[in-house]
């Protein structure tokens, strides 16, 4: 069976698209958070507050890892950077897991095993 015509190919493609989109969204929000904290953005502003609220669940698991570096009102948010790295690695792991379930031909499997040696 040709792996490109497998009934699992389209769902795997859609699944990886969803993971990439979620990663893009989370990373974009965390970049905004990092830049806003670094530049000392007004936390009372609607958009700034929105970004901090949306990103809070994503940075909360990492809050105790690094001390907060504050210079005047500017904050170097190591937590946001760590969260970005962790979510990137998790997304890549999920995509690799999805791709492991992809149907492959005997020829593709043999070539893959040869590449692993």
PDB file of N, CA and C in Angstrom:
ATOM      1  N   UNK A   1       0.840  -1.192   0.000  1.00  0.00           N
ATOM      2  CA  UNK A   1       0.000   0.000   0.000  1.00  0.00           C
ATOM      3  C   UNK A   1       0.876   1.242   0.000  1.00  0.00           C
ATOM      4  N   UNK A   2       0.581   2.161  -0.848  1.00  0.00           N
ATOM      5  CA  UNK A   2       1.294   3.429  -0.932  1.00  0.00           C
ATOM      6  C   UNK A   2       0.926   4.267   0.293  1.00  0.00           C
ATOM      7  N   UNK A   3       1.940   4.734   1.028  1.00  0.00           N
ATOM      8  CA  UNK A   3       1.669   5.482   2.265  1.00  0.00           C
ATOM      9  C   UNK A   3       0.949   6.798   2.009  1.00  0.00           C
ATOM     10  N   UNK A   4       1.060   7.349   0.793  1.00  0.00           N
ATOM     11  CA  UNK A   4       0.390   8.610   0.478  1.00  0.00           C
ATOM     12  C   UNK A   4      -1.111   8.424   0.265  1.00  0.00           C
ATOM     13  N   UNK A   5      -1.512   7.205  -0.060  1.00  0.00           N
ATOM     14  CA  UNK A   5      -2.928   6.926  -0.280  1.00  0.00           C
ATOM     15  C   UNK A   5      -3.572   6.238   0.918  1.00  0.00           C
ATOM     16  N   UNK A   6      -2.871   6.199   2.022  1.00  0.00           N
ATOM     17  CA  UNK A   6      -3.383   5.562   3.231  1.00  0.00           C
ATOM     18  C   UNK A   6      -4.547   6.366   3.809  1.00  0.00           C
ATOM     19  N   UNK A   7      -5.546   5.680   4.394  1.00  0.00           N
ATOM     20  CA  UNK A   7      -6.656   6.416   5.011  1.00  0.00           C
ATOM     21  C   UNK A   7      -6.238   7.214   6.253  1.00  0.00           C
ATOM     22  N   UNK A   8      -5.038   6.967   6.773  1.00  0.00           N
ATOM     23  CA  UNK A   8      -4.582   7.717   7.955  1.00  0.00           C
ATOM     24  C   UNK A   8      -3.833   8.993   7.599  1.00  0.00           C
ATOM     25  N   UNK A   9      -3.493   9.179   6.323  1.00  0.00           N
ATOM     26  CA  UNK A   9      -2.660  10.325   5.934  1.00  0.00           C
ATOM     27  C   UNK A   9      -3.352  11.660   6.175  1.00  0.00           C
ATOM     28  N   UNK A  10      -4.603  11.814   5.737  1.00  0.00           N
ATOM     29  CA  UNK A  10      -5.295  13.098   5.908  1.00  0.00           C
ATOM     30  C   UNK A  10      -5.527  13.445   7.380  1.00  0.00           C
ATOM     31  N   UNK A  11      -6.010  12.495   8.209  1.00  0.00           N
ATOM     32  CA  UNK A  11      -6.173  12.850   9.628  1.00  0.00           C
ATOM     33  C   UNK A  11      -4.847  13.215  10.306  1.00  0.00           C
ATOM     34  N   UNK A  12      -3.766  12.523   9.942  1.00  0.00           N
ATOM     35  CA  UNK A  12      -2.461  12.871  10.515  1.00  0.00           C
ATOM     36  C   UNK A  12      -2.031  14.262  10.088  1.00  0.00           C
ATOM     37  N   UNK A  13      -2.272  14.596   8.828  1.00  0.00           N
ATOM     38  CA  UNK A  13      -1.931  15.931   8.329  1.00  0.00           C
ATOM     39  C   UNK A  13      -2.739  16.985   9.071  1.00  0.00           C
ATOM     40  N   UNK A  14      -4.034  16.764   9.232  1.00  0.00           N
ATOM     41  CA  UNK A  14      -4.881  17.726   9.955  1.00  0.00           C
ATOM     42  C   UNK A  14      -4.433  17.843  11.417  1.00  0.00           C
ATOM     43  N   UNK A  15      -4.104  16.710  12.019  1.00  0.00           N
ATOM     44  CA  UNK A  15      -3.637  16.732  13.411  1.00  0.00           C
ATOM     45  C   UNK A  15      -2.369  17.541  13.573  1.00  0.00           C
ATOM     46  N   UNK A  16      -1.426  17.365  12.646  1.00  0.00           N
ATOM     47  CA  UNK A  16      -0.192  18.139  12.741  1.00  0.00           C
ATOM     48  C   UNK A  16      -0.456  19.617  12.468  1.00  0.00           C
ATOM     49  N   UNK A  17      -1.388  19.924  11.554  1.00  0.00           N
ATOM     50  CA  UNK A  17      -1.757  21.329  11.319  1.00  0.00           C
ATOM     51  C   UNK A  17      -2.325  21.966  12.581  1.00  0.00           C
ATOM     52  N   UNK A  18      -3.159  21.235  13.301  1.00  0.00           N
ATOM     53  CA  UNK A  18      -3.752  21.760  14.544  1.00  0.00           C
ATOM     54  C   UNK A  18      -2.669  22.020  15.581  1.00  0.00           C
ATOM     55  N   UNK A  19      -1.734  21.077  15.725  1.00  0.00           N
ATOM     56  CA  UNK A  19      -0.650  21.252  16.700  1.00  0.00           C
ATOM     57  C   UNK A  19       0.195  22.470  16.334  1.00  0.00           C
ATOM     58  N   UNK A  20       0.549  22.613  15.053  1.00  0.00           N
ATOM     59  CA  UNK A  20       1.338  23.771  14.628  1.00  0.00           C
ATOM     60  C   UNK A  20       0.597  25.071  14.875  1.00  0.00           C
ATOM     61  N   UNK A  21      -0.717  25.097  14.605  1.00  0.00           N
ATOM     62  CA  UNK A  21      -1.491  26.316  14.844  1.00  0.00           C
ATOM     63  C   UNK A  21      -1.513  26.666  16.331  1.00  0.00           C
ATOM     64  N   UNK A  22      -1.777  25.666  17.179  1.00  0.00           N
ATOM     65  CA  UNK A  22      -1.805  25.928  18.625  1.00  0.00           C
ATOM     66  C   UNK A  22      -0.451  26.423  19.116  1.00  0.00           C
ATOM     67  N   UNK A  23       0.611  25.808  18.621  1.00  0.00           N
ATOM     68  CA  UNK A  23       1.949  26.258  19.004  1.00  0.00           C
ATOM     69  C   UNK A  23       2.173  27.700  18.556  1.00  0.00           C
ATOM     70  N   UNK A  24       1.793  28.007  17.315  1.00  0.00           N
ATOM     71  CA  UNK A  24       1.946  29.372  16.806  1.00  0.00           C
ATOM     72  C   UNK A  24       1.191  30.359  17.690  1.00  0.00           C
ATOM     73  N   UNK A  25      -0.033  30.035  18.060  1.00  0.00           N
ATOM     74  CA  UNK A  25      -0.843  30.924  18.889  1.00  0.00           C
ATOM     75  C   UNK A  25      -0.199  31.135  20.261  1.00  0.00           C
ATOM     76  N   UNK A  26       0.174  30.046  20.917  1.00  0.00           N
ATOM     77  CA  UNK A  26       0.770  30.140  22.255  1.00  0.00           C
ATOM     78  C   UNK A  26       2.085  30.906  22.204  1.00  0.00           C
ATOM     79  N   UNK A  27       2.936  30.580  21.236  1.00  0.00           N
ATOM     80  CA  UNK A  27       4.228  31.264  21.123  1.00  0.00           C
ATOM     81  C   UNK A  27       4.043  32.762  20.847  1.00  0.00           C
ATOM     82  N   UNK A  28       3.088  33.111  19.994  1.00  0.00           N
ATOM     83  CA  UNK A  28       2.835  34.523  19.695  1.00  0.00           C
ATOM     84  C   UNK A  28       2.381  35.269  20.943  1.00  0.00           C
ATOM     85  N   UNK A  29       1.468  34.685  21.693  1.00  0.00           N
ATOM     86  CA  UNK A  29       1.000  35.327  22.923  1.00  0.00           C
ATOM     87  C   UNK A  29       2.144  35.477  23.929  1.00  0.00           C
ATOM     88  N   UNK A  30       2.995  34.440  24.039  1.00  0.00           N
ATOM     89  CA  UNK A  30       4.114  34.510  24.977  1.00  0.00           C
ATOM     90  C   UNK A  30       5.163  35.531  24.533  1.00  0.00           C
ATOM     91  N   UNK A  31       5.352  35.695  23.230  1.00  0.00           N
ATOM     92  CA  UNK A  31       6.272  36.735  22.740  1.00  0.00           C
ATOM     93  C   UNK A  31       5.738  38.115  23.122  1.00  0.00           C
ATOM     94  N   UNK A  32       4.431  38.331  22.914  1.00  0.00           N
ATOM     95  CA  UNK A  32       3.840  39.607  23.333  1.00  0.00           C
ATOM     96  C   UNK A  32       4.069  39.820  24.829  1.00  0.00           C
ATOM     97  N   UNK A  33       3.824  38.803  25.645  1.00  0.00           N
ATOM     98  CA  UNK A  33       4.006  38.913  27.093  1.00  0.00           C
ATOM     99  C   UNK A  33       5.444  39.304  27.418  1.00  0.00           C
ATOM    100  N   UNK A  34       6.393  38.588  26.799  1.00  0.00           N
ATOM    101  CA  UNK A  34       7.802  38.851  27.062  1.00  0.00           C
ATOM    102  C   UNK A  34       8.164  40.293  26.711  1.00  0.00           C
ATOM    103  N   UNK A  35       7.768  40.740  25.527  1.00  0.00           N
ATOM    104  CA  UNK A  35       8.102  42.105  25.077  1.00  0.00           C
ATOM    105  C   UNK A  35       7.412  43.148  25.946  1.00  0.00           C
ATOM    106  N   UNK A  36       6.146  42.926  26.277  1.00  0.00           N
ATOM    107  CA  UNK A  36       5.434  43.879  27.132  1.00  0.00           C
ATOM    108  C   UNK A  36       6.108  44.010  28.493  1.00  0.00           C
ATOM    109  N   UNK A  37       6.494  42.878  29.091  1.00  0.00           N
ATOM    110  CA  UNK A  37       7.157  42.935  30.404  1.00  0.00           C
ATOM    111  C   UNK A  37       8.516  43.623  30.275  1.00  0.00           C
ATOM    112  N   UNK A  38       9.241  43.284  29.215  1.00  0.00           N
ATOM    113  CA  UNK A  38      10.574  43.853  29.017  1.00  0.00           C
ATOM    114  C   UNK A  38      10.521  45.360  28.811  1.00  0.00           C
ATOM    115  N   UNK A  39       9.514  45.818  28.095  1.00  0.00           N
ATOM    116  CA  UNK A  39       9.404  47.240  27.788  1.00  0.00           C
ATOM    117  C   UNK A  39       8.628  48.009  28.854  1.00  0.00           C
ATOM    118  N   UNK A  40       8.156  47.331  29.900  1.00  0.00           N
ATOM    119  CA  UNK A  40       7.434  48.010  30.970  1.00  0.00           C
ATOM    120  C   UNK A  40       6.070  48.505  30.542  1.00  0.00           C
ATOM    121  N   UNK A  41       5.347  47.711  29.758  1.00  0.00           N
ATOM    122  CA  UNK A  41       4.025  48.111  29.269  1.00  0.00           C
ATOM    123  C   UNK A  41       3.060  48.326  30.437  1.00  0.00           C
ATOM    124  N   UNK A  42       2.133  49.238  30.248  1.00  0.00           N
ATOM    125  CA  UNK A  42       1.129  49.559  31.258  1.00  0.00           C
ATOM    126  C   UNK A  42       0.190  48.357  31.428  1.00  0.00           C
ATOM    127  N   UNK A  43       0.237  47.724  32.576  1.00  0.00           N
ATOM    128  CA  UNK A  43      -0.607  46.546  32.811  1.00  0.00           C
ATOM    129  C   UNK A  43      -2.078  46.906  32.960  1.00  0.00           C
ATOM    130  N   UNK A  44      -2.374  48.180  33.112  1.00  0.00           N
ATOM    131  CA  UNK A  44      -3.758  48.623  33.192  1.00  0.00           C
ATOM    132  C   UNK A  44      -4.410  48.799  31.827  1.00  0.00           C
ATOM    133  N   UNK A  45      -3.599  48.785  30.778  1.00  0.00           N
ATOM    134  CA  UNK A  45      -4.144  48.911  29.424  1.00  0.00           C
ATOM    135  C   UNK A  45      -4.889  47.626  29.066  1.00  0.00           C
ATOM    136  N   UNK A  46      -5.976  47.783  28.338  1.00  0.00           N
ATOM    137  CA  UNK A  46      -6.824  46.635  28.022  1.00  0.00           C
ATOM    138  C   UNK A  46      -6.055  45.531  27.313  1.00  0.00           C
ATOM    139  N   UNK A  47      -5.305  45.861  26.262  1.00  0.00           N
ATOM    140  CA  UNK A  47      -4.617  44.841  25.478  1.00  0.00           C
ATOM    141  C   UNK A  47      -3.528  44.147  26.291  1.00  0.00           C
ATOM    142  N   UNK A  48      -2.790  44.919  27.067  1.00  0.00           N
ATOM    143  CA  UNK A  48      -1.746  44.339  27.914  1.00  0.00           C
ATOM    144  C   UNK A  48      -2.353  43.381  28.928  1.00  0.00           C
ATOM    145  N   UNK A  49      -3.418  43.809  29.573  1.00  0.00           N
ATOM    146  CA  UNK A  49      -4.103  42.951  30.533  1.00  0.00           C
ATOM    147  C   UNK A  49      -4.627  41.683  29.865  1.00  0.00           C
ATOM    148  N   UNK A  50      -5.157  41.818  28.659  1.00  0.00           N
ATOM    149  CA  UNK A  50      -5.648  40.661  27.907  1.00  0.00           C
ATOM    150  C   UNK A  50      -4.519  39.660  27.660  1.00  0.00           C
ATOM    151  N   UNK A  51      -3.371  40.149  27.220  1.00  0.00           N
ATOM    152  CA  UNK A  51      -2.225  39.268  26.944  1.00  0.00           C
ATOM    153  C   UNK A  51      -1.769  38.579  28.226  1.00  0.00           C
ATOM    154  N   UNK A  52      -1.667  39.319  29.322  1.00  0.00           N
ATOM    155  CA  UNK A  52      -1.242  38.721  30.588  1.00  0.00           C
ATOM    156  C   UNK A  52      -2.241  37.671  31.070  1.00  0.00           C
ATOM    157  N   UNK A  53      -3.525  37.928  30.889  1.00  0.00           N
ATOM    158  CA  UNK A  53      -4.557  36.984  31.316  1.00  0.00           C
ATOM    159  C   UNK A  53      -4.526  35.711  30.464  1.00  0.00           C
ATOM    160  N   UNK A  54      -4.407  35.879  29.155  1.00  0.00           N
ATOM    161  CA  UNK A  54      -4.390  34.714  28.254  1.00  0.00           C
ATOM    162  C   UNK A  54      -3.145  33.863  28.479  1.00  0.00           C
ATOM    163  N   UNK A  55      -2.016  34.492  28.739  1.00  0.00           N
ATOM    164  CA  UNK A  55      -0.770  33.731  28.875  1.00  0.00           C
ATOM    165  C   UNK A  55      -0.542  33.175  30.279  1.00  0.00           C
ATOM    166  N   UNK A  56      -1.282  33.654  31.247  1.00  0.00           N
ATOM    167  CA  UNK A  56      -1.075  33.200  32.630  1.00  0.00           C
ATOM    168  C   UNK A  56      -1.102  31.678  32.777  1.00  0.00           C
ATOM    169  N   UNK A  57      -2.089  30.965  32.223  1.00  0.00           N
ATOM    170  CA  UNK A  57      -2.084  29.507  32.386  1.00  0.00           C
ATOM    171  C   UNK A  57      -0.867  28.824  31.756  1.00  0.00           C
ATOM    172  N   UNK A  58      -0.270  29.458  30.764  1.00  0.00           N
ATOM    173  CA  UNK A  58       0.879  28.852  30.089  1.00  0.00           C
ATOM    174  C   UNK A  58       2.191  29.102  30.817  1.00  0.00           C
ATOM    175  N   UNK A  59       2.293  30.198  31.567  1.00  0.00           N
ATOM    176  CA  UNK A  59       3.526  30.481  32.305  1.00  0.00           C
ATOM    177  C   UNK A  59       3.447  30.027  33.764  1.00  0.00           C
ATOM    178  N   UNK A  60       2.256  29.840  34.283  1.00  0.00           N
ATOM    179  CA  UNK A  60       2.085  29.494  35.701  1.00  0.00           C
ATOM    180  C   UNK A  60       2.892  28.265  36.139  1.00  0.00           C
ATOM    181  N   UNK A  61       2.967  27.182  35.332  1.00  0.00           N
ATOM    182  CA  UNK A  61       3.749  26.022  35.794  1.00  0.00           C
ATOM    183  C   UNK A  61       5.241  26.296  35.942  1.00  0.00           C
ATOM    184  N   UNK A  62       5.732  27.388  35.381  1.00  0.00           N
ATOM    185  CA  UNK A  62       7.161  27.666  35.374  1.00  0.00           C
ATOM    186  C   UNK A  62       7.561  28.842  36.251  1.00  0.00           C
ATOM    187  N   UNK A  63       6.630  29.400  37.011  1.00  0.00           N
ATOM    188  CA  UNK A  63       6.893  30.629  37.764  1.00  0.00           C
ATOM    189  C   UNK A  63       8.013  30.500  38.789  1.00  0.00           C
ATOM    190  N   UNK A  64       8.155  29.350  39.411  1.00  0.00           N
ATOM    191  CA  UNK A  64       9.155  29.205  40.475  1.00  0.00           C
ATOM    192  C   UNK A  64      10.530  28.799  39.956  1.00  0.00           C
ATOM    193  N   UNK A  65      10.684  28.628  38.656  1.00  0.00           N
ATOM    194  CA  UNK A  65      11.954  28.136  38.118  1.00  0.00           C
ATOM    195  C   UNK A  65      13.047  29.203  38.173  1.00  0.00           C
ATOM    196  N   UNK A  66      12.744  30.418  37.751  1.00  0.00           N
ATOM    197  CA  UNK A  66      13.731  31.498  37.713  1.00  0.00           C
ATOM    198  C   UNK A  66      13.288  32.655  38.593  1.00  0.00           C
ATOM    199  N   UNK A  67      14.250  33.368  39.183  1.00  0.00           N
ATOM    200  CA  UNK A  67      13.875  34.592  39.882  1.00  0.00           C
ATOM    201  C   UNK A  67      13.479  35.655  38.858  1.00  0.00           C
ATOM    202  N   UNK A  68      12.670  36.588  39.286  1.00  0.00           N
ATOM    203  CA  UNK A  68      12.226  37.660  38.406  1.00  0.00           C
ATOM    204  C   UNK A  68      13.288  38.752  38.391  1.00  0.00           C
ATOM    205  N   UNK A  69      13.762  39.089  37.197  1.00  0.00           N
ATOM    206  CA  UNK A  69      14.773  40.133  37.044  1.00  0.00           C
ATOM    207  C   UNK A  69      14.091  41.463  36.742  1.00  0.00           C
ATOM    208  N   UNK A  70      14.144  42.401  37.694  1.00  0.00           N
ATOM    209  CA  UNK A  70      13.448  43.679  37.523  1.00  0.00           C
ATOM    210  C   UNK A  70      14.469  44.819  37.512  1.00  0.00           C
ATOM    211  N   UNK A  71      14.356  45.664  36.516  1.00  0.00           N
ATOM    212  CA  UNK A  71      15.140  46.896  36.444  1.00  0.00           C
ATOM    213  C   UNK A  71      14.136  48.024  36.212  1.00  0.00           C
ATOM    214  N   UNK A  72      13.869  48.792  37.257  1.00  0.00           N
ATOM    215  CA  UNK A  72      12.812  49.810  37.264  1.00  0.00           C
ATOM    216  C   UNK A  72      11.482  49.125  37.014  1.00  0.00           C
ATOM    217  N   UNK A  73      10.750  49.504  35.960  1.00  0.00           N
ATOM    218  CA  UNK A  73       9.480  48.823  35.680  1.00  0.00           C
ATOM    219  C   UNK A  73       9.640  47.720  34.642  1.00  0.00           C
ATOM    220  N   UNK A  74      10.836  47.569  34.126  1.00  0.00           N
ATOM    221  CA  UNK A  74      11.077  46.578  33.087  1.00  0.00           C
ATOM    222  C   UNK A  74      11.406  45.224  33.726  1.00  0.00           C
ATOM    223  N   UNK A  75      10.799  44.168  33.194  1.00  0.00           N
ATOM    224  CA  UNK A  75      10.975  42.827  33.739  1.00  0.00           C
ATOM    225  C   UNK A  75      11.487  41.921  32.632  1.00  0.00           C
ATOM    226  N   UNK A  76      12.608  41.251  32.887  1.00  0.00           N
ATOM    227  CA  UNK A  76      13.071  40.234  31.945  1.00  0.00           C
ATOM    228  C   UNK A  76      12.390  38.937  32.362  1.00  0.00           C
ATOM    229  N   UNK A  77      11.413  38.537  31.591  1.00  0.00           N
ATOM    230  CA  UNK A  77      10.534  37.413  31.945  1.00  0.00           C
ATOM    231  C   UNK A  77      11.112  36.078  31.477  1.00  0.00           C
ATOM    232  N   UNK A  78      12.033  35.536  32.278  1.00  0.00           N
ATOM    233  CA  UNK A  78      12.618  34.234  31.970  1.00  0.00           C
ATOM    234  C   UNK A  78      11.549  33.152  31.894  1.00  0.00           C
ATOM    235  N   UNK A  79      10.495  33.313  32.679  1.00  0.00           N
ATOM    236  CA  UNK A  79       9.420  32.332  32.713  1.00  0.00           C
ATOM    237  C   UNK A  79       8.755  32.189  31.347  1.00  0.00           C
ATOM    238  N   UNK A  80       8.512  33.301  30.680  1.00  0.00           N
ATOM    239  CA  UNK A  80       7.898  33.253  29.347  1.00  0.00           C
ATOM    240  C   UNK A  80       8.826  32.564  28.358  1.00  0.00           C
ATOM    241  N   UNK A  81      10.132  32.853  28.448  1.00  0.00           N
ATOM    242  CA  UNK A  81      11.082  32.205  27.544  1.00  0.00           C
ATOM    243  C   UNK A  81      11.148  30.703  27.787  1.00  0.00           C
ATOM    244  N   UNK A  82      11.150  30.298  29.050  1.00  0.00           N
ATOM    245  CA  UNK A  82      11.154  28.876  29.377  1.00  0.00           C
ATOM    246  C   UNK A  82       9.880  28.210  28.877  1.00  0.00           C
ATOM    247  N   UNK A  83       8.742  28.843  29.095  1.00  0.00           N
ATOM    248  CA  UNK A  83       7.469  28.296  28.631  1.00  0.00           C
ATOM    249  C   UNK A  83       7.481  28.126  27.120  1.00  0.00           C
ATOM    250  N   UNK A  84       8.017  29.111  26.401  1.00  0.00           N
ATOM    251  CA  UNK A  84       8.084  29.011  24.945  1.00  0.00           C
ATOM    252  C   UNK A  84       8.919  27.808  24.520  1.00  0.00           C
ATOM    253  N   UNK A  85      10.049  27.606  25.158  1.00  0.00           N
ATOM    254  CA  UNK A  85      10.916  26.473  24.810  1.00  0.00           C
ATOM    255  C   UNK A  85      10.231  25.139  25.114  1.00  0.00           C
ATOM    256  N   UNK A  86       9.604  25.049  26.285  1.00  0.00           N
ATOM    257  CA  UNK A  86       8.947  23.809  26.674  1.00  0.00           C
ATOM    258  C   UNK A  86       7.791  23.485  25.741  1.00  0.00           C
ATOM    259  N   UNK A  87       6.961  24.467  25.404  1.00  0.00           N
ATOM    260  CA  UNK A  87       5.830  24.205  24.518  1.00  0.00           C
ATOM    261  C   UNK A  87       6.288  23.855  23.112  1.00  0.00           C
ATOM    262  N   UNK A  88       7.401  24.428  22.664  1.00  0.00           N
ATOM    263  CA  UNK A  88       7.963  24.076  21.363  1.00  0.00           C
ATOM    264  C   UNK A  88       8.374  22.599  21.358  1.00  0.00           C
ATOM    265  N   UNK A  89       9.072  22.169  22.418  1.00  0.00           N
ATOM    266  CA  UNK A  89       9.516  20.776  22.516  1.00  0.00           C
ATOM    267  C   UNK A  89       8.317  19.835  22.609  1.00  0.00           C
ATOM    268  N   UNK A  90       7.316  20.204  23.395  1.00  0.00           N
ATOM    269  CA  UNK A  90       6.114  19.370  23.524  1.00  0.00           C
ATOM    270  C   UNK A  90       5.405  19.245  22.176  1.00  0.00           C
ATOM    271  N   UNK A  91       5.283  20.339  21.441  1.00  0.00           N
ATOM    272  CA  UNK A  91       4.624  20.291  20.130  1.00  0.00           C
ATOM    273  C   UNK A  91       5.394  19.387  19.176  1.00  0.00           C
ATOM    274  N   UNK A  92       6.711  19.500  19.162  1.00  0.00           N
ATOM    275  CA  UNK A  92       7.507  18.628  18.300  1.00  0.00           C
ATOM    276  C   UNK A  92       7.344  17.162  18.683  1.00  0.00           C
ATOM    277  N   UNK A  93       7.285  16.883  19.975  1.00  0.00           N
ATOM    278  CA  UNK A  93       7.089  15.505  20.430  1.00  0.00           C
ATOM    279  C   UNK A  93       5.720  14.968  20.006  1.00  0.00           C
ATOM    280  N   UNK A  94       4.696  15.794  20.117  1.00  0.00           N
ATOM    281  CA  UNK A  94       3.350  15.367  19.694  1.00  0.00           C
ATOM    282  C   UNK A  94       3.329  15.084  18.194  1.00  0.00           C
ATOM    283  N   UNK A  95       3.948  15.946  17.413  1.00  0.00           N
ATOM    284  CA  UNK A  95       3.979  15.736  15.964  1.00  0.00           C
ATOM    285  C   UNK A  95       4.767  14.473  15.618  1.00  0.00           C
ATOM    286  N   UNK A  96       5.895  14.250  16.273  1.00  0.00           N
ATOM    287  CA  UNK A  96       6.661  13.018  16.040  1.00  0.00           C
ATOM    288  C   UNK A  96       5.815  11.801  16.396  1.00  0.00           C
ATOM    289  N   UNK A  97       5.065  11.884  17.488  1.00  0.00           N
ATOM    290  CA  UNK A  97       4.190  10.782  17.882  1.00  0.00           C
ATOM    291  C   UNK A  97       3.134  10.529  16.811  1.00  0.00           C
ATOM    292  N   UNK A  98       2.517  11.605  16.300  1.00  0.00           N
ATOM    293  CA  UNK A  98       1.539  11.467  15.212  1.00  0.00           C
ATOM    294  C   UNK A  98       2.171  10.766  14.015  1.00  0.00           C
ATOM    295  N   UNK A  99       3.366  11.209  13.653  1.00  0.00           N
ATOM    296  CA  UNK A  99       4.011  10.671  12.457  1.00  0.00           C
ATOM    297  C   UNK A  99       4.448   9.220  12.627  1.00  0.00           C
ATOM    298  N   UNK A 100       4.655   8.781  13.855  1.00  0.00           N
ATOM    299  CA  UNK A 100       4.994   7.376  14.082  1.00  0.00           C
ATOM    300  C   UNK A 100       3.841   6.452  13.707  1.00  0.00           C
ATOM    301  N   UNK A 101       2.612   6.965  13.760  1.00  0.00           N
ATOM    302  CA  UNK A 101       1.470   6.126  13.433  1.00  0.00           C
ATOM    303  C   UNK A 101       1.129   6.150  11.943  1.00  0.00           C
ATOM    304  N   UNK A 102       1.932   6.869  11.159  1.00  0.00           N
ATOM    305  CA  UNK A 102       1.712   6.952   9.712  1.00  0.00           C
ATOM    306  C   UNK A 102       1.971   5.586   9.076  1.00  0.00           C
ATOM    307  N   UNK A 103       1.121   5.191   8.153  1.00  0.00           N
ATOM    308  CA  UNK A 103       1.301   3.954   7.426  1.00  0.00           C
ATOM    309  C   UNK A 103       2.501   4.095   6.498  1.00  0.00           C
ATOM    310  N   UNK A 104       3.374   3.090   6.506  1.00  0.00           N
ATOM    311  CA  UNK A 104       4.539   3.115   5.629  1.00  0.00           C
ATOM    312  C   UNK A 104       4.609   1.804   4.856  1.00  0.00           C
ATOM    313  N   UNK A 105       5.211   1.871   3.694  1.00  0.00           N
ATOM    314  CA  UNK A 105       5.419   0.656   2.908  1.00  0.00           C
ATOM    315  C   UNK A 105       6.618  -0.099   3.466  1.00  0.00           C
ATOM    316  N   UNK A 106       6.777  -1.320   3.049  1.00  0.00           N
ATOM    317  CA  UNK A 106       7.913  -2.120   3.501  1.00  0.00           C
ATOM    318  C   UNK A 106       9.224  -1.460   3.082  1.00  0.00           C
ATOM    319  N   UNK A 107       9.253  -0.893   1.891  1.00  0.00           N
ATOM    320  CA  UNK A 107      10.453  -0.221   1.394  1.00  0.00           C
ATOM    321  C   UNK A 107      10.788   0.990   2.278  1.00  0.00           C
ATOM    322  N   UNK A 108       9.772   1.790   2.625  1.00  0.00           N
ATOM    323  CA  UNK A 108       9.994   2.960   3.485  1.00  0.00           C
ATOM    324  C   UNK A 108      10.464   2.539   4.872  1.00  0.00           C
ATOM    325  N   UNK A 109       9.885   1.457   5.397  1.00  0.00           N
ATOM    326  CA  UNK A 109      10.283   0.965   6.719  1.00  0.00           C
ATOM    327  C   UNK A 109      11.730   0.491   6.697  1.00  0.00           C
ATOM    328  N   UNK A 110      12.112  -0.223   5.644  1.00  0.00           N
ATOM    329  CA  UNK A 110      13.492  -0.713   5.540  1.00  0.00           C
ATOM    330  C   UNK A 110      14.472   0.456   5.429  1.00  0.00           C
ATOM    331  N   UNK A 111      14.122   1.459   4.626  1.00  0.00           N
ATOM    332  CA  UNK A 111      14.985   2.631   4.477  1.00  0.00           C
ATOM    333  C   UNK A 111      15.102   3.377   5.814  1.00  0.00           C
ATOM    334  N   UNK A 112      13.991   3.476   6.538  1.00  0.00           N
ATOM    335  CA  UNK A 112      14.024   4.147   7.843  1.00  0.00           C
ATOM    336  C   UNK A 112      14.889   3.407   8.848  1.00  0.00           C
ATOM    337  N   UNK A 113      14.817   2.090   8.831  1.00  0.00           N
ATOM    338  CA  UNK A 113      15.658   1.307   9.730  1.00  0.00           C
ATOM    339  C   UNK A 113      17.128   1.448   9.360  1.00  0.00           C
ATOM    340  N   UNK A 114      17.414   1.480   8.055  1.00  0.00           N
ATOM    341  CA  UNK A 114      18.806   1.670   7.632  1.00  0.00           C
ATOM    342  C   UNK A 114      19.331   3.023   8.085  1.00  0.00           C
ATOM    343  N   UNK A 115      18.490   4.064   8.028  1.00  0.00           N
ATOM    344  CA  UNK A 115      18.887   5.407   8.456  1.00  0.00           C
ATOM    345  C   UNK A 115      19.174   5.466   9.948  1.00  0.00           C
ATOM    346  N   UNK A 116      18.520   4.608  10.727  1.00  0.00           N
ATOM    347  CA  UNK A 116      18.695   4.627  12.186  1.00  0.00           C
ATOM    348  C   UNK A 116      19.982   3.940  12.624  1.00  0.00           C
ATOM    349  N   UNK A 117      20.592   3.169  11.738  1.00  0.00           N
ATOM    350  CA  UNK A 117      21.816   2.445  12.122  1.00  0.00           C
ATOM    351  C   UNK A 117      23.033   3.291  12.064  1.00  0.00           C
TER     352      UNK A 117
END
